[in-house]
Amino acid sequence: PFILAERMKNAARATLLAGGVSPTAIRIN
């Protein structure tokens, strides 16, 4: 299911943000 890819994407984005990466620098599909 596509939702599994979405969940991977969202978790990766959250971890990057917590690590200090600017939200404008993140582009994950």
PDB file of all heavy atoms in Angstrom:
ATOM      1  N   PRO A   1       0.818  -1.222   0.000  1.00  0.00           N
ATOM      2  CA  PRO A   1       0.000   0.000   0.000  1.00  0.00           C
ATOM      3  C   PRO A   1       0.850   1.269   0.000  1.00  0.00           C
ATOM      4  O   PRO A   1       1.902   1.347   0.659  1.00  0.00           O
ATOM      5  CB  PRO A   1      -0.819  -0.116   1.290  1.00  0.00           C
ATOM      6  CG  PRO A   1      -0.841  -1.571   1.605  1.00  0.00           C
ATOM      7  CD  PRO A   1       0.477  -2.102   1.148  1.00  0.00           C
ATOM      8  N   PHE A   2       0.386   2.279  -0.718  1.00  0.00           N
ATOM      9  CA  PHE A   2       1.080   3.564  -0.833  1.00  0.00           C
ATOM     10  C   PHE A   2       1.291   4.223   0.531  1.00  0.00           C
ATOM     11  O   PHE A   2       2.306   4.900   0.753  1.00  0.00           O
ATOM     12  CB  PHE A   2       0.270   4.496  -1.742  1.00  0.00           C
ATOM     13  CG  PHE A   2       0.831   5.889  -1.834  1.00  0.00           C
ATOM     14  CD1 PHE A   2       2.002   6.146  -2.531  1.00  0.00           C
ATOM     15  CD2 PHE A   2       0.177   6.954  -1.218  1.00  0.00           C
ATOM     16  CE1 PHE A   2       2.512   7.436  -2.616  1.00  0.00           C
ATOM     17  CE2 PHE A   2       0.685   8.237  -1.307  1.00  0.00           C
ATOM     18  CZ  PHE A   2       1.852   8.486  -2.006  1.00  0.00           C
ATOM     19  N   ILE A   3       0.364   4.001   1.463  1.00  0.00           N
ATOM     20  CA  ILE A   3       0.445   4.648   2.768  1.00  0.00           C
ATOM     21  C   ILE A   3       1.740   4.291   3.490  1.00  0.00           C
ATOM     22  O   ILE A   3       2.261   5.077   4.290  1.00  0.00           O
ATOM     23  CB  ILE A   3      -0.784   4.288   3.649  1.00  0.00           C
ATOM     24  CG1 ILE A   3      -0.787   5.102   4.933  1.00  0.00           C
ATOM     25  CG2 ILE A   3      -0.815   2.800   3.949  1.00  0.00           C
ATOM     26  CD1 ILE A   3      -0.897   6.588   4.745  1.00  0.00           C
ATOM     27  N   LEU A   4       2.302   3.111   3.193  1.00  0.00           N
ATOM     28  CA  LEU A   4       3.550   2.707   3.844  1.00  0.00           C
ATOM     29  C   LEU A   4       4.703   3.603   3.398  1.00  0.00           C
ATOM     30  O   LEU A   4       5.582   3.949   4.195  1.00  0.00           O
ATOM     31  CB  LEU A   4       3.853   1.242   3.547  1.00  0.00           C
ATOM     32  CG  LEU A   4       2.804   0.219   4.009  1.00  0.00           C
ATOM     33  CD1 LEU A   4       3.255  -1.193   3.675  1.00  0.00           C
ATOM     34  CD2 LEU A   4       2.543   0.358   5.507  1.00  0.00           C
ATOM     35  N   ALA A   5       4.703   3.983   2.123  1.00  0.00           N
ATOM     36  CA  ALA A   5       5.727   4.919   1.643  1.00  0.00           C
ATOM     37  C   ALA A   5       5.540   6.293   2.282  1.00  0.00           C
ATOM     38  O   ALA A   5       6.513   6.964   2.652  1.00  0.00           O
ATOM     39  CB  ALA A   5       5.665   5.024   0.120  1.00  0.00           C
ATOM     40  N   GLU A   6       4.287   6.717   2.415  1.00  0.00           N
ATOM     41  CA  GLU A   6       3.999   7.996   3.070  1.00  0.00           C
ATOM     42  C   GLU A   6       4.491   8.002   4.513  1.00  0.00           C
ATOM     43  O   GLU A   6       5.050   8.999   4.981  1.00  0.00           O
ATOM     44  CB  GLU A   6       2.488   8.264   3.031  1.00  0.00           C
ATOM     45  CG  GLU A   6       1.989   8.789   1.699  1.00  0.00           C
ATOM     46  CD  GLU A   6       2.265  10.283   1.536  1.00  0.00           C
ATOM     47  OE1 GLU A   6       2.812  10.898   2.457  1.00  0.00           O
ATOM     48  OE2 GLU A   6       1.916  10.834   0.473  1.00  0.00           O
ATOM     49  N   ARG A   7       4.286   6.901   5.201  1.00  0.00           N
ATOM     50  CA  ARG A   7       4.724   6.819   6.601  1.00  0.00           C
ATOM     51  C   ARG A   7       6.248   6.862   6.713  1.00  0.00           C
ATOM     52  O   ARG A   7       6.796   7.496   7.621  1.00  0.00           O
ATOM     53  CB  ARG A   7       4.151   5.560   7.250  1.00  0.00           C
ATOM     54  CG  ARG A   7       2.639   5.654   7.509  1.00  0.00           C
ATOM     55  CD  ARG A   7       2.038   4.303   7.841  1.00  0.00           C
ATOM     56  NE  ARG A   7       2.617   3.699   9.041  1.00  0.00           N
ATOM     57  CZ  ARG A   7       2.300   2.475   9.488  1.00  0.00           C
ATOM     58  NH1 ARG A   7       1.420   1.734   8.812  1.00  0.00           N
ATOM     59  NH2 ARG A   7       2.857   2.012  10.590  1.00  0.00           N
ATOM     60  N   MET A   8       6.953   6.202   5.796  1.00  0.00           N
ATOM     61  CA  MET A   8       8.415   6.288   5.777  1.00  0.00           C
ATOM     62  C   MET A   8       8.860   7.726   5.545  1.00  0.00           C
ATOM     63  O   MET A   8       9.748   8.245   6.236  1.00  0.00           O
ATOM     64  CB  MET A   8       8.998   5.392   4.680  1.00  0.00           C
ATOM     65  CG  MET A   8       9.088   3.927   5.019  1.00  0.00           C
ATOM     66  SD  MET A   8      10.053   3.004   3.777  1.00  0.00           S
ATOM     67  CE  MET A   8       8.841   2.773   2.483  1.00  0.00           C
ATOM     68  N   LYS A   9       8.237   8.355   4.571  1.00  0.00           N
ATOM     69  CA  LYS A   9       8.567   9.736   4.225  1.00  0.00           C
ATOM     70  C   LYS A   9       8.358  10.665   5.414  1.00  0.00           C
ATOM     71  O   LYS A   9       9.238  11.482   5.752  1.00  0.00           O
ATOM     72  CB  LYS A   9       7.696  10.174   3.053  1.00  0.00           C
ATOM     73  CG  LYS A   9       7.648  11.669   2.810  1.00  0.00           C
ATOM     74  CD  LYS A   9       6.565  12.021   1.806  1.00  0.00           C
ATOM     75  CE  LYS A   9       6.243  13.505   1.838  1.00  0.00           C
ATOM     76  NZ  LYS A   9       5.168  13.856   0.880  1.00  0.00           N
ATOM     77  N   ASN A  10       7.202  10.567   6.068  1.00  0.00           N
ATOM     78  CA  ASN A  10       6.888  11.467   7.173  1.00  0.00           C
ATOM     79  C   ASN A  10       7.823  11.262   8.355  1.00  0.00           C
ATOM     80  O   ASN A  10       8.221  12.222   9.021  1.00  0.00           O
ATOM     81  CB  ASN A  10       5.429  11.280   7.594  1.00  0.00           C
ATOM     82  CG  ASN A  10       4.454  11.746   6.524  1.00  0.00           C
ATOM     83  OD1 ASN A  10       4.796  12.566   5.676  1.00  0.00           O
ATOM     84  ND2 ASN A  10       3.234  11.215   6.550  1.00  0.00           N
ATOM     85  N   ALA A  11       8.170  10.007   8.618  1.00  0.00           N
ATOM     86  CA  ALA A  11       9.089   9.730   9.728  1.00  0.00           C
ATOM     87  C   ALA A  11      10.482  10.287   9.439  1.00  0.00           C
ATOM     88  O   ALA A  11      11.134  10.859  10.326  1.00  0.00           O
ATOM     89  CB  ALA A  11       9.161   8.220   9.972  1.00  0.00           C
ATOM     90  N   ALA A  12      10.934  10.125   8.207  1.00  0.00           N
ATOM     91  CA  ALA A  12      12.254  10.658   7.837  1.00  0.00           C
ATOM     92  C   ALA A  12      12.273  12.174   7.962  1.00  0.00           C
ATOM     93  O   ALA A  12      13.226  12.759   8.501  1.00  0.00           O
ATOM     94  CB  ALA A  12      12.602  10.241   6.410  1.00  0.00           C
ATOM     95  N   ARG A  13      11.221  12.817   7.499  1.00  0.00           N
ATOM     96  CA  ARG A  13      11.144  14.275   7.577  1.00  0.00           C
ATOM     97  C   ARG A  13      11.164  14.743   9.033  1.00  0.00           C
ATOM     98  O   ARG A  13      11.874  15.697   9.379  1.00  0.00           O
ATOM     99  CB  ARG A  13       9.872  14.766   6.889  1.00  0.00           C
ATOM    100  CG  ARG A  13       9.691  16.278   6.936  1.00  0.00           C
ATOM    101  CD  ARG A  13       8.417  16.716   6.222  1.00  0.00           C
ATOM    102  NE  ARG A  13       8.193  18.150   6.387  1.00  0.00           N
ATOM    103  CZ  ARG A  13       8.748  19.089   5.655  1.00  0.00           C
ATOM    104  NH1 ARG A  13       9.566  18.741   4.673  1.00  0.00           N
ATOM    105  NH2 ARG A  13       8.497  20.368   5.869  1.00  0.00           N
ATOM    106  N   ALA A  14      10.413  14.059   9.893  1.00  0.00           N
ATOM    107  CA  ALA A  14      10.360  14.441  11.306  1.00  0.00           C
ATOM    108  C   ALA A  14      11.728  14.309  11.963  1.00  0.00           C
ATOM    109  O   ALA A  14      12.150  15.162  12.758  1.00  0.00           O
ATOM    110  CB  ALA A  14       9.327  13.588  12.035  1.00  0.00           C
ATOM    111  N   THR A  15      12.460  13.250  11.630  1.00  0.00           N
ATOM    112  CA  THR A  15      13.791  13.041  12.207  1.00  0.00           C
ATOM    113  C   THR A  15      14.768  14.099  11.716  1.00  0.00           C
ATOM    114  O   THR A  15      15.602  14.603  12.479  1.00  0.00           O
ATOM    115  CB  THR A  15      14.305  11.634  11.859  1.00  0.00           C
ATOM    116  OG1 THR A  15      13.394  10.656  12.379  1.00  0.00           O
ATOM    117  CG2 THR A  15      15.678  11.388  12.465  1.00  0.00           C
ATOM    118  N   LEU A  16      14.690  14.455  10.450  1.00  0.00           N
ATOM    119  CA  LEU A  16      15.566  15.503   9.916  1.00  0.00           C
ATOM    120  C   LEU A  16      15.281  16.855  10.571  1.00  0.00           C
ATOM    121  O   LEU A  16      16.207  17.593  10.928  1.00  0.00           O
ATOM    122  CB  LEU A  16      15.388  15.615   8.400  1.00  0.00           C
ATOM    123  CG  LEU A  16      15.886  14.433   7.568  1.00  0.00           C
ATOM    124  CD1 LEU A  16      15.488  14.600   6.101  1.00  0.00           C
ATOM    125  CD2 LEU A  16      17.401  14.276   7.684  1.00  0.00           C
ATOM    126  N   LEU A  17      14.005  17.163  10.748  1.00  0.00           N
ATOM    127  CA  LEU A  17      13.639  18.419  11.410  1.00  0.00           C
ATOM    128  C   LEU A  17      14.156  18.440  12.845  1.00  0.00           C
ATOM    129  O   LEU A  17      14.684  19.460  13.313  1.00  0.00           O
ATOM    130  CB  LEU A  17      12.128  18.595  11.393  1.00  0.00           C
ATOM    131  CG  LEU A  17      11.491  18.875  10.019  1.00  0.00           C
ATOM    132  CD1 LEU A  17       9.972  18.843  10.122  1.00  0.00           C
ATOM    133  CD2 LEU A  17      11.967  20.220   9.463  1.00  0.00           C
ATOM    134  N   ALA A  18      14.010  17.318  13.541  1.00  0.00           N
ATOM    135  CA  ALA A  18      14.504  17.228  14.920  1.00  0.00           C
ATOM    136  C   ALA A  18      16.024  17.354  14.965  1.00  0.00           C
ATOM    137  O   ALA A  18      16.591  17.778  15.980  1.00  0.00           O
ATOM    138  CB  ALA A  18      14.070  15.895  15.545  1.00  0.00           C
ATOM    139  N   GLY A  19      16.680  16.998  13.860  1.00  0.00           N
ATOM    140  CA  GLY A  19      18.140  17.105  13.787  1.00  0.00           C
ATOM    141  C   GLY A  19      18.628  18.471  13.369  1.00  0.00           C
ATOM    142  O   GLY A  19      19.835  18.665  13.182  1.00  0.00           O
ATOM    143  N   GLY A  20      17.703  19.421  13.206  1.00  0.00           N
ATOM    144  CA  GLY A  20      18.100  20.790  12.915  1.00  0.00           C
ATOM    145  C   GLY A  20      18.073  21.188  11.458  1.00  0.00           C
ATOM    146  O   GLY A  20      18.513  22.296  11.107  1.00  0.00           O
ATOM    147  N   VAL A  21      17.539  20.323  10.589  1.00  0.00           N
ATOM    148  CA  VAL A  21      17.474  20.657   9.166  1.00  0.00           C
ATOM    149  C   VAL A  21      16.287  21.600   8.930  1.00  0.00           C
ATOM    150  O   VAL A  21      15.188  21.380   9.445  1.00  0.00           O
ATOM    151  CB  VAL A  21      17.321  19.388   8.305  1.00  0.00           C
ATOM    152  CG1 VAL A  21      17.205  19.746   6.827  1.00  0.00           C
ATOM    153  CG2 VAL A  21      18.505  18.444   8.537  1.00  0.00           C
ATOM    154  N   SER A  22      16.504  22.624   8.132  1.00  0.00           N
ATOM    155  CA  SER A  22      15.434  23.564   7.824  1.00  0.00           C
ATOM    156  C   SER A  22      14.351  22.886   6.994  1.00  0.00           C
ATOM    157  O   SER A  22      14.658  22.135   6.062  1.00  0.00           O
ATOM    158  CB  SER A  22      15.997  24.758   7.041  1.00  0.00           C
ATOM    159  OG  SER A  22      14.948  25.545   6.496  1.00  0.00           O
ATOM    160  N   PRO A  23      13.076  23.125   7.309  1.00  0.00           N
ATOM    161  CA  PRO A  23      11.999  22.497   6.528  1.00  0.00           C
ATOM    162  C   PRO A  23      12.033  22.878   5.056  1.00  0.00           C
ATOM    163  O   PRO A  23      11.597  22.101   4.201  1.00  0.00           O
ATOM    164  CB  PRO A  23      10.724  23.007   7.213  1.00  0.00           C
ATOM    165  CG  PRO A  23      11.138  24.190   8.022  1.00  0.00           C
ATOM    166  CD  PRO A  23      12.544  23.954   8.412  1.00  0.00           C
ATOM    167  N   THR A  24      12.544  24.047   4.728  1.00  0.00           N
ATOM    168  CA  THR A  24      12.603  24.470   3.322  1.00  0.00           C
ATOM    169  C   THR A  24      13.673  23.733   2.528  1.00  0.00           C
ATOM    170  O   THR A  24      13.693  23.788   1.299  1.00  0.00           O
ATOM    171  CB  THR A  24      12.862  25.978   3.222  1.00  0.00           C
ATOM    172  OG1 THR A  24      14.112  26.283   3.871  1.00  0.00           O
ATOM    173  CG2 THR A  24      11.754  26.766   3.893  1.00  0.00           C
ATOM    174  N   ALA A  25      14.579  23.016   3.242  1.00  0.00           N
ATOM    175  CA  ALA A  25      15.660  22.288   2.574  1.00  0.00           C
ATOM    176  C   ALA A  25      15.317  20.820   2.344  1.00  0.00           C
ATOM    177  O   ALA A  25      16.140  20.065   1.814  1.00  0.00           O
ATOM    178  CB  ALA A  25      16.945  22.383   3.396  1.00  0.00           C
ATOM    179  N   ILE A  26      14.127  20.391   2.761  1.00  0.00           N
ATOM    180  CA  ILE A  26      13.751  18.976   2.682  1.00  0.00           C
ATOM    181  C   ILE A  26      12.736  18.755   1.572  1.00  0.00           C
ATOM    182  O   ILE A  26      11.681  19.396   1.543  1.00  0.00           O
ATOM    183  CB  ILE A  26      13.163  18.490   4.027  1.00  0.00           C
ATOM    184  CG1 ILE A  26      14.161  18.711   5.166  1.00  0.00           C
ATOM    185  CG2 ILE A  26      12.787  17.009   3.939  1.00  0.00           C
ATOM    186  CD1 ILE A  26      13.586  18.417   6.537  1.00  0.00           C
ATOM    187  N   ARG A  27      13.053  17.850   0.662  1.00  0.00           N
ATOM    188  CA  ARG A  27      12.128  17.483  -0.410  1.00  0.00           C
ATOM    189  C   ARG A  27      12.138  15.965  -0.566  1.00  0.00           C
ATOM    190  O   ARG A  27      13.035  15.400  -1.213  1.00  0.00           O
ATOM    191  CB  ARG A  27      12.526  18.146  -1.730  1.00  0.00           C
ATOM    192  CG  ARG A  27      12.485  19.666  -1.695  1.00  0.00           C
ATOM    193  CD  ARG A  27      12.931  20.267  -3.013  1.00  0.00           C
ATOM    194  NE  ARG A  27      13.155  21.696  -2.905  1.00  0.00           N
ATOM    195  CZ  ARG A  27      13.707  22.436  -3.858  1.00  0.00           C
ATOM    196  NH1 ARG A  27      14.081  21.863  -5.000  1.00  0.00           N
ATOM    197  NH2 ARG A  27      13.885  23.727  -3.698  1.00  0.00           N
ATOM    198  N   ILE A  28      11.182  15.304   0.035  1.00  0.00           N
ATOM    199  CA  ILE A  28      11.082  13.844  -0.015  1.00  0.00           C
ATOM    200  C   ILE A  28       9.760  13.462  -0.669  1.00  0.00           C
ATOM    201  O   ILE A  28       8.708  13.971  -0.280  1.00  0.00           O
ATOM    202  CB  ILE A  28      11.168  13.218   1.395  1.00  0.00           C
ATOM    203  CG1 ILE A  28      12.397  13.735   2.153  1.00  0.00           C
ATOM    204  CG2 ILE A  28      11.227  11.695   1.296  1.00  0.00           C
ATOM    205  CD1 ILE A  28      12.455  13.302   3.600  1.00  0.00           C
ATOM    206  N   ASN A  29       9.813  12.567  -1.632  1.00  0.00           N
ATOM    207  CA  ASN A  29       8.620  12.086  -2.305  1.00  0.00           C
ATOM    208  C   ASN A  29       8.278  10.678  -1.851  1.00  0.00           C
ATOM    209  O   ASN A  29       9.165   9.911  -1.452  1.00  0.00           O
ATOM    210  CB  ASN A  29       8.820  12.078  -3.824  1.00  0.00           C
ATOM    211  CG  ASN A  29       9.040  13.464  -4.387  1.00  0.00           C
ATOM    212  OD1 ASN A  29       8.407  14.423  -3.941  1.00  0.00           O
ATOM    213  ND2 ASN A  29       9.942  13.581  -5.350  1.00  0.00           N
TER     214      ASN A  29
END
